[in-house]
Amino acid sequence: MLCTPTGDRRDVASTPLYQAFQQSSVAALDVGDGDYIRLIGSEDYQRSAHIGGWVDIRTGLGAGMCEPLVTVRVDVAKLRRHLRG
């Protein structure tokens, strides 16, 4: 989940967190059950947000009406602000 294997090396640019960090419109990245991801848009995502659908990490295909049992949220907007100063 952290990196996509590419032969003997790992491609950090293909990770969901890296891709979310590169898009200024993404405020959060949700990981569901370790198998699915979704992106949350809008800097003020706790009040009003554009929530994308769940995507299977392995296939990149939409997961339909997926309802993960465990969801971990990475606050990409806050992380971006801290890292960029």
PDB file of N, CA and C in Angstrom:
ATOM      1  N   MET A   1       0.816  -1.193   0.000  1.00  0.00           N
ATOM      2  CA  MET A   1       0.000   0.000   0.000  1.00  0.00           C
ATOM      3  C   MET A   1       0.862   1.260   0.000  1.00  0.00           C
ATOM      4  N   LEU A   2       2.031   1.198   0.599  1.00  0.00           N
ATOM      5  CA  LEU A   2       2.870   2.387   0.678  1.00  0.00           C
ATOM      6  C   LEU A   2       3.526   2.723  -0.648  1.00  0.00           C
ATOM      7  N   CYS A   3       3.965   1.722  -1.387  1.00  0.00           N
ATOM      8  CA  CYS A   3       4.610   1.944  -2.674  1.00  0.00           C
ATOM      9  C   CYS A   3       4.248   0.817  -3.625  1.00  0.00           C
ATOM     10  N   THR A   4       4.215   1.131  -4.892  1.00  0.00           N
ATOM     11  CA  THR A   4       3.968   0.120  -5.902  1.00  0.00           C
ATOM     12  C   THR A   4       5.292  -0.474  -6.333  1.00  0.00           C
ATOM     13  N   PRO A   5       5.463  -1.803  -6.194  1.00  0.00           N
ATOM     14  CA  PRO A   5       6.725  -2.413  -6.622  1.00  0.00           C
ATOM     15  C   PRO A   5       6.938  -2.257  -8.128  1.00  0.00           C
ATOM     16  N   THR A   6       8.119  -1.873  -8.524  1.00  0.00           N
ATOM     17  CA  THR A   6       8.471  -1.787  -9.941  1.00  0.00           C
ATOM     18  C   THR A   6       9.809  -2.483 -10.103  1.00  0.00           C
ATOM     19  N   GLY A   7       9.765  -3.800 -10.214  1.00  0.00           N
ATOM     20  CA  GLY A   7      11.003  -4.556 -10.287  1.00  0.00           C
ATOM     21  C   GLY A   7      11.675  -4.568  -8.930  1.00  0.00           C
ATOM     22  N   ASP A   8      12.936  -4.200  -8.894  1.00  0.00           N
ATOM     23  CA  ASP A   8      13.686  -4.163  -7.635  1.00  0.00           C
ATOM     24  C   ASP A   8      13.514  -2.849  -6.891  1.00  0.00           C
ATOM     25  N   ARG A   9      12.838  -1.883  -7.503  1.00  0.00           N
ATOM     26  CA  ARG A   9      12.690  -0.562  -6.894  1.00  0.00           C
ATOM     27  C   ARG A   9      11.230  -0.286  -6.577  1.00  0.00           C
ATOM     28  N   ARG A  10      10.999   0.697  -5.746  1.00  0.00           N
ATOM     29  CA  ARG A  10       9.630   1.116  -5.431  1.00  0.00           C
ATOM     30  C   ARG A  10       9.425   2.531  -5.959  1.00  0.00           C
ATOM     31  N   ASP A  11       8.286   2.750  -6.563  1.00  0.00           N
ATOM     32  CA  ASP A  11       7.964   4.034  -7.165  1.00  0.00           C
ATOM     33  C   ASP A  11       7.109   4.854  -6.199  1.00  0.00           C
ATOM     34  N   VAL A  12       7.734   5.768  -5.467  1.00  0.00           N
ATOM     35  CA  VAL A  12       7.024   6.578  -4.482  1.00  0.00           C
ATOM     36  C   VAL A  12       5.953   7.439  -5.153  1.00  0.00           C
ATOM     37  N   ALA A  13       6.195   7.903  -6.369  1.00  0.00           N
ATOM     38  CA  ALA A  13       5.239   8.769  -7.060  1.00  0.00           C
ATOM     39  C   ALA A  13       3.919   8.060  -7.364  1.00  0.00           C
ATOM     40  N   SER A  14       3.895   6.746  -7.265  1.00  0.00           N
ATOM     41  CA  SER A  14       2.655   6.017  -7.549  1.00  0.00           C
ATOM     42  C   SER A  14       1.841   5.737  -6.293  1.00  0.00           C
ATOM     43  N   THR A  15       2.279   6.205  -5.136  1.00  0.00           N
ATOM     44  CA  THR A  15       1.537   5.955  -3.907  1.00  0.00           C
ATOM     45  C   THR A  15       0.352   6.906  -3.783  1.00  0.00           C
ATOM     46  N   PRO A  16      -0.746   6.428  -3.210  1.00  0.00           N
ATOM     47  CA  PRO A  16      -1.924   7.289  -3.046  1.00  0.00           C
ATOM     48  C   PRO A  16      -1.644   8.552  -2.241  1.00  0.00           C
ATOM     49  N   LEU A  17      -0.861   8.449  -1.164  1.00  0.00           N
ATOM     50  CA  LEU A  17      -0.582   9.627  -0.343  1.00  0.00           C
ATOM     51  C   LEU A  17       0.218  10.656  -1.126  1.00  0.00           C
ATOM     52  N   TYR A  18       1.223  10.231  -1.869  1.00  0.00           N
ATOM     53  CA  TYR A  18       2.028  11.153  -2.667  1.00  0.00           C
ATOM     54  C   TYR A  18       1.150  11.839  -3.716  1.00  0.00           C
ATOM     55  N   GLN A  19       0.311  11.076  -4.385  1.00  0.00           N
ATOM     56  CA  GLN A  19      -0.558  11.649  -5.416  1.00  0.00           C
ATOM     57  C   GLN A  19      -1.542  12.640  -4.811  1.00  0.00           C
ATOM     58  N   ALA A  20      -2.088  12.318  -3.639  1.00  0.00           N
ATOM     59  CA  ALA A  20      -3.019  13.234  -2.981  1.00  0.00           C
ATOM     60  C   ALA A  20      -2.314  14.516  -2.565  1.00  0.00           C
ATOM     61  N   PHE A  21      -1.079  14.393  -2.091  1.00  0.00           N
ATOM     62  CA  PHE A  21      -0.308  15.543  -1.650  1.00  0.00           C
ATOM     63  C   PHE A  21      -0.024  16.500  -2.812  1.00  0.00           C
ATOM     64  N   GLN A  22       0.140  15.983  -4.018  1.00  0.00           N
ATOM     65  CA  GLN A  22       0.464  16.794  -5.188  1.00  0.00           C
ATOM     66  C   GLN A  22      -0.721  17.608  -5.694  1.00  0.00           C
ATOM     67  N   GLN A  23      -1.935  17.224  -5.332  1.00  0.00           N
ATOM     68  CA  GLN A  23      -3.135  17.923  -5.800  1.00  0.00           C
ATOM     69  C   GLN A  23      -3.606  18.892  -4.719  1.00  0.00           C
ATOM     70  N   SER A  24      -3.534  20.180  -4.983  1.00  0.00           N
ATOM     71  CA  SER A  24      -3.891  21.159  -3.963  1.00  0.00           C
ATOM     72  C   SER A  24      -5.370  21.106  -3.584  1.00  0.00           C
ATOM     73  N   SER A  25      -6.214  20.519  -4.430  1.00  0.00           N
ATOM     74  CA  SER A  25      -7.639  20.439  -4.119  1.00  0.00           C
ATOM     75  C   SER A  25      -7.964  19.301  -3.156  1.00  0.00           C
ATOM     76  N   VAL A  26      -7.005  18.414  -2.884  1.00  0.00           N
ATOM     77  CA  VAL A  26      -7.246  17.283  -1.988  1.00  0.00           C
ATOM     78  C   VAL A  26      -6.945  17.685  -0.557  1.00  0.00           C
ATOM     79  N   ALA A  27      -7.917  17.478   0.331  1.00  0.00           N
ATOM     80  CA  ALA A  27      -7.746  17.840   1.731  1.00  0.00           C
ATOM     81  C   ALA A  27      -7.511  16.628   2.622  1.00  0.00           C
ATOM     82  N   ALA A  28      -7.983  15.455   2.185  1.00  0.00           N
ATOM     83  CA  ALA A  28      -7.815  14.262   3.008  1.00  0.00           C
ATOM     84  C   ALA A  28      -7.779  13.024   2.123  1.00  0.00           C
ATOM     85  N   LEU A  29      -7.123  12.009   2.637  1.00  0.00           N
ATOM     86  CA  LEU A  29      -7.053  10.710   1.979  1.00  0.00           C
ATOM     87  C   LEU A  29      -7.557   9.680   2.984  1.00  0.00           C
ATOM     88  N   ASP A  30      -8.605   8.952   2.615  1.00  0.00           N
ATOM     89  CA  ASP A  30      -9.136   7.897   3.463  1.00  0.00           C
ATOM     90  C   ASP A  30      -8.632   6.556   2.967  1.00  0.00           C
ATOM     91  N   VAL A  31      -8.258   5.689   3.887  1.00  0.00           N
ATOM     92  CA  VAL A  31      -7.871   4.320   3.570  1.00  0.00           C
ATOM     93  C   VAL A  31      -8.862   3.421   4.296  1.00  0.00           C
ATOM     94  N   GLY A  32      -9.576   2.593   3.544  1.00  0.00           N
ATOM     95  CA  GLY A  32     -10.584   1.718   4.128  1.00  0.00           C
ATOM     96  C   GLY A  32     -10.140   0.270   4.131  1.00  0.00           C
ATOM     97  N   ASP A  33     -10.109  -0.328   5.305  1.00  0.00           N
ATOM     98  CA  ASP A  33      -9.759  -1.744   5.476  1.00  0.00           C
ATOM     99  C   ASP A  33      -8.410  -2.113   4.867  1.00  0.00           C
ATOM    100  N   GLY A  34      -7.575  -1.127   4.579  1.00  0.00           N
ATOM    101  CA  GLY A  34      -6.272  -1.402   3.970  1.00  0.00           C
ATOM    102  C   GLY A  34      -6.364  -1.806   2.514  1.00  0.00           C
ATOM    103  N   ASP A  35      -7.576  -1.804   1.946  1.00  0.00           N
ATOM    104  CA  ASP A  35      -7.787  -2.252   0.571  1.00  0.00           C
ATOM    105  C   ASP A  35      -8.310  -1.173  -0.365  1.00  0.00           C
ATOM    106  N   TYR A  36      -8.883  -0.117   0.199  1.00  0.00           N
ATOM    107  CA  TYR A  36      -9.540   0.916  -0.612  1.00  0.00           C
ATOM    108  C   TYR A  36      -9.069   2.310  -0.201  1.00  0.00           C
ATOM    109  N   ILE A  37      -9.132   3.239  -1.153  1.00  0.00           N
ATOM    110  CA  ILE A  37      -8.819   4.636  -0.858  1.00  0.00           C
ATOM    111  C   ILE A  37      -9.910   5.524  -1.440  1.00  0.00           C
ATOM    112  N   ARG A  38     -10.031   6.704  -0.888  1.00  0.00           N
ATOM    113  CA  ARG A  38     -10.881   7.735  -1.483  1.00  0.00           C
ATOM    114  C   ARG A  38     -10.290   9.082  -1.123  1.00  0.00           C
ATOM    115  N   LEU A  39     -10.517  10.054  -1.996  1.00  0.00           N
ATOM    116  CA  LEU A  39     -10.001  11.406  -1.797  1.00  0.00           C
ATOM    117  C   LEU A  39     -11.130  12.326  -1.369  1.00  0.00           C
ATOM    118  N   ILE A  40     -10.814  13.202  -0.444  1.00  0.00           N
ATOM    119  CA  ILE A  40     -11.760  14.195   0.048  1.00  0.00           C
ATOM    120  C   ILE A  40     -11.256  15.550  -0.410  1.00  0.00           C
ATOM    121  N   GLY A  41     -12.089  16.303  -1.110  1.00  0.00           N
ATOM    122  CA  GLY A  41     -11.695  17.615  -1.605  1.00  0.00           C
ATOM    123  C   GLY A  41     -12.207  18.724  -0.722  1.00  0.00           C
ATOM    124  N   SER A  42     -11.620  19.893  -0.801  1.00  0.00           N
ATOM    125  CA  SER A  42     -11.979  21.114  -0.087  1.00  0.00           C
ATOM    126  C   SER A  42     -11.127  21.266   1.149  1.00  0.00           C
ATOM    127  N   GLU A  43     -10.513  22.413   1.294  1.00  0.00           N
ATOM    128  CA  GLU A  43      -9.669  22.696   2.451  1.00  0.00           C
ATOM    129  C   GLU A  43     -10.466  22.602   3.750  1.00  0.00           C
ATOM    130  N   ASP A  44     -11.748  22.935   3.687  1.00  0.00           N
ATOM    131  CA  ASP A  44     -12.584  22.895   4.880  1.00  0.00           C
ATOM    132  C   ASP A  44     -13.465  21.645   4.823  1.00  0.00           C
ATOM    133  N   TYR A  45     -12.832  20.491   4.687  1.00  0.00           N
ATOM    134  CA  TYR A  45     -13.575  19.257   4.444  1.00  0.00           C
ATOM    135  C   TYR A  45     -14.448  18.828   5.619  1.00  0.00           C
ATOM    136  N   GLN A  46     -14.213  19.366   6.812  1.00  0.00           N
ATOM    137  CA  GLN A  46     -15.037  18.965   7.950  1.00  0.00           C
ATOM    138  C   GLN A  46     -16.412  19.628   7.904  1.00  0.00           C
ATOM    139  N   ARG A  47     -16.544  20.711   7.194  1.00  0.00           N
ATOM    140  CA  ARG A  47     -17.844  21.394   7.083  1.00  0.00           C
ATOM    141  C   ARG A  47     -18.554  21.052   5.784  1.00  0.00           C
ATOM    142  N   SER A  48     -17.859  21.158   4.665  1.00  0.00           N
ATOM    143  CA  SER A  48     -18.447  20.789   3.380  1.00  0.00           C
ATOM    144  C   SER A  48     -17.332  20.254   2.501  1.00  0.00           C
ATOM    145  N   ALA A  49     -17.567  19.102   1.925  1.00  0.00           N
ATOM    146  CA  ALA A  49     -16.494  18.458   1.179  1.00  0.00           C
ATOM    147  C   ALA A  49     -17.032  17.737  -0.044  1.00  0.00           C
ATOM    148  N   HIS A  50     -16.181  17.631  -1.027  1.00  0.00           N
ATOM    149  CA  HIS A  50     -16.448  16.756  -2.161  1.00  0.00           C
ATOM    150  C   HIS A  50     -15.782  15.427  -1.825  1.00  0.00           C
ATOM    151  N   ILE A  51     -16.571  14.386  -1.692  1.00  0.00           N
ATOM    152  CA  ILE A  51     -16.028  13.078  -1.342  1.00  0.00           C
ATOM    153  C   ILE A  51     -16.100  12.177  -2.560  1.00  0.00           C
ATOM    154  N   GLY A  52     -14.934  11.713  -2.994  1.00  0.00           N
ATOM    155  CA  GLY A  52     -14.884  10.791  -4.120  1.00  0.00           C
ATOM    156  C   GLY A  52     -15.292   9.396  -3.678  1.00  0.00           C
ATOM    157  N   GLY A  53     -15.528   8.528  -4.638  1.00  0.00           N
ATOM    158  CA  GLY A  53     -15.902   7.155  -4.320  1.00  0.00           C
ATOM    159  C   GLY A  53     -14.693   6.320  -3.927  1.00  0.00           C
ATOM    160  N   TRP A  54     -14.963   5.189  -3.309  1.00  0.00           N
ATOM    161  CA  TRP A  54     -13.895   4.269  -2.927  1.00  0.00           C
ATOM    162  C   TRP A  54     -13.301   3.617  -4.159  1.00  0.00           C
ATOM    163  N   VAL A  55     -11.976   3.463  -4.144  1.00  0.00           N
ATOM    164  CA  VAL A  55     -11.234   2.846  -5.246  1.00  0.00           C
ATOM    165  C   VAL A  55     -10.397   1.714  -4.672  1.00  0.00           C
ATOM    166  N   ASP A  56     -10.406   0.566  -5.352  1.00  0.00           N
ATOM    167  CA  ASP A  56      -9.593  -0.568  -4.931  1.00  0.00           C
ATOM    168  C   ASP A  56      -8.125  -0.236  -5.169  1.00  0.00           C
ATOM    169  N   ILE A  57      -7.296  -0.341  -4.132  1.00  0.00           N
ATOM    170  CA  ILE A  57      -5.879   0.028  -4.243  1.00  0.00           C
ATOM    171  C   ILE A  57      -5.153  -0.829  -5.266  1.00  0.00           C
ATOM    172  N   ARG A  58      -5.444  -2.125  -5.285  1.00  0.00           N
ATOM    173  CA  ARG A  58      -4.716  -3.041  -6.177  1.00  0.00           C
ATOM    174  C   ARG A  58      -5.082  -2.876  -7.648  1.00  0.00           C
ATOM    175  N   THR A  59      -6.370  -2.653  -7.924  1.00  0.00           N
ATOM    176  CA  THR A  59      -6.804  -2.610  -9.323  1.00  0.00           C
ATOM    177  C   THR A  59      -6.983  -1.198  -9.856  1.00  0.00           C
ATOM    178  N   GLY A  60      -7.221  -0.231  -8.969  1.00  0.00           N
ATOM    179  CA  GLY A  60      -7.494   1.138  -9.410  1.00  0.00           C
ATOM    180  C   GLY A  60      -8.923   1.330  -9.885  1.00  0.00           C
ATOM    181  N   LEU A  61      -9.757   0.307  -9.725  1.00  0.00           N
ATOM    182  CA  LEU A  61     -11.150   0.377 -10.170  1.00  0.00           C
ATOM    183  C   LEU A  61     -12.053   0.813  -9.025  1.00  0.00           C
ATOM    184  N   GLY A  62     -13.160   1.425  -9.385  1.00  0.00           N
ATOM    185  CA  GLY A  62     -14.129   1.846  -8.389  1.00  0.00           C
ATOM    186  C   GLY A  62     -14.642   0.653  -7.602  1.00  0.00           C
ATOM    187  N   ALA A  63     -14.945   0.880  -6.326  1.00  0.00           N
ATOM    188  CA  ALA A  63     -15.388  -0.208  -5.449  1.00  0.00           C
ATOM    189  C   ALA A  63     -16.888  -0.155  -5.184  1.00  0.00           C
ATOM    190  N   GLY A  64     -17.619   0.608  -5.967  1.00  0.00           N
ATOM    191  CA  GLY A  64     -19.075   0.658  -5.825  1.00  0.00           C
ATOM    192  C   GLY A  64     -19.519   1.169  -4.475  1.00  0.00           C
ATOM    193  N   MET A  65     -20.426   0.461  -3.865  1.00  0.00           N
ATOM    194  CA  MET A  65     -21.014   0.868  -2.595  1.00  0.00           C
ATOM    195  C   MET A  65     -20.221   0.312  -1.413  1.00  0.00           C
ATOM    196  N   CYS A  66     -18.934   0.363  -1.490  1.00  0.00           N
ATOM    197  CA  CYS A  66     -18.047  -0.145  -0.451  1.00  0.00           C
ATOM    198  C   CYS A  66     -18.291   0.584   0.867  1.00  0.00           C
ATOM    199  N   GLU A  67     -18.375  -0.163   1.963  1.00  0.00           N
ATOM    200  CA  GLU A  67     -18.494   0.414   3.299  1.00  0.00           C
ATOM    201  C   GLU A  67     -17.480  -0.272   4.204  1.00  0.00           C
ATOM    202  N   PRO A  68     -16.238   0.246   4.237  1.00  0.00           N
ATOM    203  CA  PRO A  68     -15.190  -0.390   5.046  1.00  0.00           C
ATOM    204  C   PRO A  68     -15.542  -0.429   6.528  1.00  0.00           C
ATOM    205  N   LEU A  69     -15.061  -1.452   7.193  1.00  0.00           N
ATOM    206  CA  LEU A  69     -15.249  -1.575   8.627  1.00  0.00           C
ATOM    207  C   LEU A  69     -14.334  -0.605   9.376  1.00  0.00           C
ATOM    208  N   VAL A  70     -13.091  -0.442   8.880  1.00  0.00           N
ATOM    209  CA  VAL A  70     -12.106   0.447   9.505  1.00  0.00           C
ATOM    210  C   VAL A  70     -11.644   1.467   8.462  1.00  0.00           C
ATOM    211  N   THR A  71     -11.685   2.741   8.825  1.00  0.00           N
ATOM    212  CA  THR A  71     -11.224   3.803   7.935  1.00  0.00           C
ATOM    213  C   THR A  71     -10.196   4.656   8.669  1.00  0.00           C
ATOM    214  N   VAL A  72      -9.065   4.904   8.001  1.00  0.00           N
ATOM    215  CA  VAL A  72      -8.027   5.771   8.540  1.00  0.00           C
ATOM    216  C   VAL A  72      -7.964   7.000   7.643  1.00  0.00           C
ATOM    217  N   ARG A  73      -8.008   8.190   8.232  1.00  0.00           N
ATOM    218  CA  ARG A  73      -7.984   9.430   7.451  1.00  0.00           C
ATOM    219  C   ARG A  73      -6.657  10.144   7.660  1.00  0.00           C
ATOM    220  N   VAL A  74      -6.027  10.522   6.550  1.00  0.00           N
ATOM    221  CA  VAL A  74      -4.810  11.334   6.573  1.00  0.00           C
ATOM    222  C   VAL A  74      -5.224  12.752   6.191  1.00  0.00           C
ATOM    223  N   ASP A  75      -4.987  13.707   7.078  1.00  0.00           N
ATOM    224  CA  ASP A  75      -5.327  15.103   6.815  1.00  0.00           C
ATOM    225  C   ASP A  75      -4.236  15.690   5.920  1.00  0.00           C
ATOM    226  N   VAL A  76      -4.426  15.547   4.618  1.00  0.00           N
ATOM    227  CA  VAL A  76      -3.419  15.965   3.639  1.00  0.00           C
ATOM    228  C   VAL A  76      -3.232  17.477   3.664  1.00  0.00           C
ATOM    229  N   ALA A  77      -4.316  18.234   3.849  1.00  0.00           N
ATOM    230  CA  ALA A  77      -4.205  19.699   3.877  1.00  0.00           C
ATOM    231  C   ALA A  77      -3.309  20.154   5.024  1.00  0.00           C
ATOM    232  N   LYS A  78      -3.512  19.574   6.211  1.00  0.00           N
ATOM    233  CA  LYS A  78      -2.689  19.943   7.368  1.00  0.00           C
ATOM    234  C   LYS A  78      -1.246  19.495   7.168  1.00  0.00           C
ATOM    235  N   LEU A  79      -1.060  18.297   6.657  1.00  0.00           N
ATOM    236  CA  LEU A  79       0.279  17.791   6.385  1.00  0.00           C
ATOM    237  C   LEU A  79       1.006  18.675   5.372  1.00  0.00           C
ATOM    238  N   ARG A  80       0.300  19.078   4.332  1.00  0.00           N
ATOM    239  CA  ARG A  80       0.873  19.963   3.299  1.00  0.00           C
ATOM    240  C   ARG A  80       1.329  21.291   3.908  1.00  0.00           C
ATOM    241  N   ARG A  81       0.459  21.879   4.780  1.00  0.00           N
ATOM    242  CA  ARG A  81       0.820  23.159   5.411  1.00  0.00           C
ATOM    243  C   ARG A  81       2.056  23.019   6.288  1.00  0.00           C
ATOM    244  N   HIS A  82       2.146  21.957   7.065  1.00  0.00           N
ATOM    245  CA  HIS A  82       3.299  21.752   7.945  1.00  0.00           C
ATOM    246  C   HIS A  82       4.578  21.535   7.153  1.00  0.00           C
ATOM    247  N   LEU A  83       4.503  20.776   6.090  1.00  0.00           N
ATOM    248  CA  LEU A  83       5.707  20.475   5.315  1.00  0.00           C
ATOM    249  C   LEU A  83       6.186  21.658   4.488  1.00  0.00           C
ATOM    250  N   ARG A  84       5.255  22.459   4.017  1.00  0.00           N
ATOM    251  CA  ARG A  84       5.646  23.616   3.193  1.00  0.00           C
ATOM    252  C   ARG A  84       5.936  24.845   4.030  1.00  0.00           C
ATOM    253  N   GLY A  85       5.555  24.786   5.309  1.00  0.00           N
ATOM    254  CA  GLY A  85       5.841  25.894   6.223  1.00  0.00           C
ATOM    255  C   GLY A  85       4.974  27.025   5.986  1.00  0.00           C
TER     256      GLY A  85
END
